[in-house]
């Protein structure tokens, strides 16, 4: 009996995986696009957030109009636009906040401040 049901479970698993794969490929983040703004506090500069279709984010940090660093993070699930507070491997710069509110805070070692962006 178990041997006879095994193919049914396998087919169900394959169909579920195909559906999940299609859903992931068809997902478009409502935050997709280019977001530009500034960060202020203990340091000041410009941030550019390039959000991909899937919710991955390229963070570009500018100081005096020069690229200081580029690193990658993502949006957290749940549709709130919350940023995954990933640490920049270069400087330790980290953004907290949400694209829904278009704002948040930033930290880098013992310094910090706030940030705001608008969608371009």
Protein backbone atom coordinates (compact mmCIF):
# COMPACT_ATOMS: atom_id res chain seq x y z
CA UNK A 1 0.00 0.00 0.00
CA UNK A 2 2.78 2.47 0.92
CA UNK A 3 4.65 1.57 -2.26
CA UNK A 4 1.52 2.25 -4.31
CA UNK A 5 0.98 5.69 -2.69
CA UNK A 6 4.61 6.76 -3.04
CA UNK A 7 4.27 7.87 -6.69
CA UNK A 8 1.22 10.00 -5.79
CA UNK A 9 3.17 11.86 -3.09
CA UNK A 10 6.08 12.36 -5.47
CA UNK A 11 3.84 13.81 -8.19
CA UNK A 12 2.13 16.08 -5.68
CA UNK A 13 5.52 17.32 -4.49
CA UNK A 14 6.63 18.01 -8.07
CA UNK A 15 3.43 19.92 -8.85
CA UNK A 16 3.81 21.96 -5.64
CA UNK A 17 7.43 22.77 -6.51
CA UNK A 18 6.45 23.78 -10.06
CA UNK A 19 3.71 26.07 -8.70
CA UNK A 20 6.12 27.64 -6.21
CA UNK A 21 8.73 28.16 -8.94
CA UNK A 22 6.13 29.80 -11.22
CA UNK A 23 4.89 32.03 -8.40
CA UNK A 24 8.43 33.14 -7.62
CA UNK A 25 9.19 33.85 -11.28
CA UNK A 26 5.95 35.80 -11.74
CA UNK A 27 6.29 37.86 -8.54
CA UNK A 28 6.87 41.57 -9.04
CA UNK A 29 7.74 43.60 -5.97
CA UNK A 30 5.51 46.66 -5.55
CA UNK A 31 8.73 48.47 -4.55
CA UNK A 32 10.57 47.65 -7.79
CA UNK A 33 12.48 50.60 -9.21
CA UNK A 34 15.00 53.25 -8.31
CA UNK A 35 14.76 55.04 -4.95
CA UNK A 36 16.98 58.06 -4.25
CA UNK A 37 17.42 60.02 -1.07
CA UNK A 38 19.78 61.06 1.65
CA UNK A 39 21.15 59.88 4.95
CA UNK A 40 21.92 62.38 7.68
CA UNK A 41 23.31 62.28 11.17
CA UNK A 42 26.90 61.63 12.17
CA UNK A 43 27.67 61.45 8.40
CA UNK A 44 25.73 62.85 5.46
CA UNK A 45 25.38 61.59 1.94
CA UNK A 46 23.14 60.19 -0.77
CA UNK A 47 21.71 56.69 -1.02
CA UNK A 48 20.36 55.00 -4.11
CA UNK A 49 18.32 51.82 -3.71
CA UNK A 50 17.80 49.84 -6.92
CA UNK A 51 15.04 47.34 -6.15
CA UNK A 52 14.72 44.40 -8.54
CA UNK A 53 11.54 42.65 -9.60
CA UNK A 54 12.12 39.98 -6.94
CA UNK A 55 12.83 42.47 -4.12
CA UNK A 56 16.62 42.27 -4.10
CA UNK A 57 18.26 45.63 -3.48
CA UNK A 58 21.49 47.17 -4.71
CA UNK A 59 22.47 49.85 -2.19
CA UNK A 60 24.74 52.61 -3.51
CA UNK A 61 26.09 55.04 -0.93
CA UNK A 62 27.52 58.34 -2.13
CA UNK A 63 29.64 60.84 -0.21
CA UNK A 64 30.26 64.22 -1.88
CA UNK A 65 28.79 62.81 -5.14
CA UNK A 66 31.41 60.02 -5.21
CA UNK A 67 30.49 56.36 -4.83
CA UNK A 68 31.64 55.32 -1.38
CA UNK A 69 30.39 51.75 -1.66
CA UNK A 70 27.89 49.40 -3.23
CA UNK A 71 26.43 46.36 -1.51
CA UNK A 72 23.36 44.15 -1.72
CA UNK A 73 20.44 43.35 0.54
CA UNK A 74 16.77 42.52 0.09
CA UNK A 75 13.27 43.25 1.25
CA UNK A 76 11.88 41.13 4.05
CA UNK A 77 8.75 39.11 3.31
CA UNK A 78 5.30 40.25 4.30
CA UNK A 79 4.79 43.11 1.86
CA UNK A 80 5.66 45.88 4.33
CA UNK A 81 8.63 47.05 2.29
CA UNK A 82 10.89 46.42 5.29
CA UNK A 83 14.58 46.28 4.46
CA UNK A 84 16.62 43.29 5.50
CA UNK A 85 19.24 45.08 7.64
CA UNK A 86 22.25 43.55 5.92
CA UNK A 87 25.67 44.79 6.87
CA UNK A 88 27.89 46.27 4.18
CA UNK A 89 30.98 44.05 4.01
CA UNK A 90 33.16 47.09 3.27
CA UNK A 91 32.29 49.63 5.96
CA UNK A 92 29.74 48.01 8.24
CA UNK A 93 27.05 50.48 7.06
CA UNK A 94 23.56 49.12 7.72
CA UNK A 95 20.10 50.45 6.81
CA UNK A 96 16.99 49.80 8.91
CA UNK A 97 13.51 50.87 7.86
CA UNK A 98 10.91 50.46 5.16
CA UNK A 99 10.20 51.56 1.62
CA UNK A 100 6.54 51.79 2.60
CA UNK A 101 7.41 54.66 4.95
CA UNK A 102 10.30 55.73 2.69
CA UNK A 103 12.47 56.21 5.76
CA UNK A 104 14.47 54.60 8.50
CA UNK A 105 17.71 54.74 10.43
CA UNK A 106 21.28 53.80 9.63
CA UNK A 107 24.20 52.59 11.72
CA UNK A 108 27.91 52.23 11.11
CA UNK A 109 29.90 51.03 14.11
CA UNK A 110 29.26 53.69 16.81
CA UNK A 111 27.67 56.34 14.57
CA UNK A 112 24.24 56.62 12.99
CA UNK A 113 21.38 58.76 11.84
CA UNK A 114 18.29 58.64 9.65
CA UNK A 115 17.50 58.28 5.96
CA UNK A 116 14.67 59.12 3.57
CA UNK A 117 14.10 58.23 -0.08
CA UNK A 118 11.60 58.87 -2.87
CA UNK A 119 10.85 56.67 -5.84
CA UNK A 120 12.16 58.02 -9.14
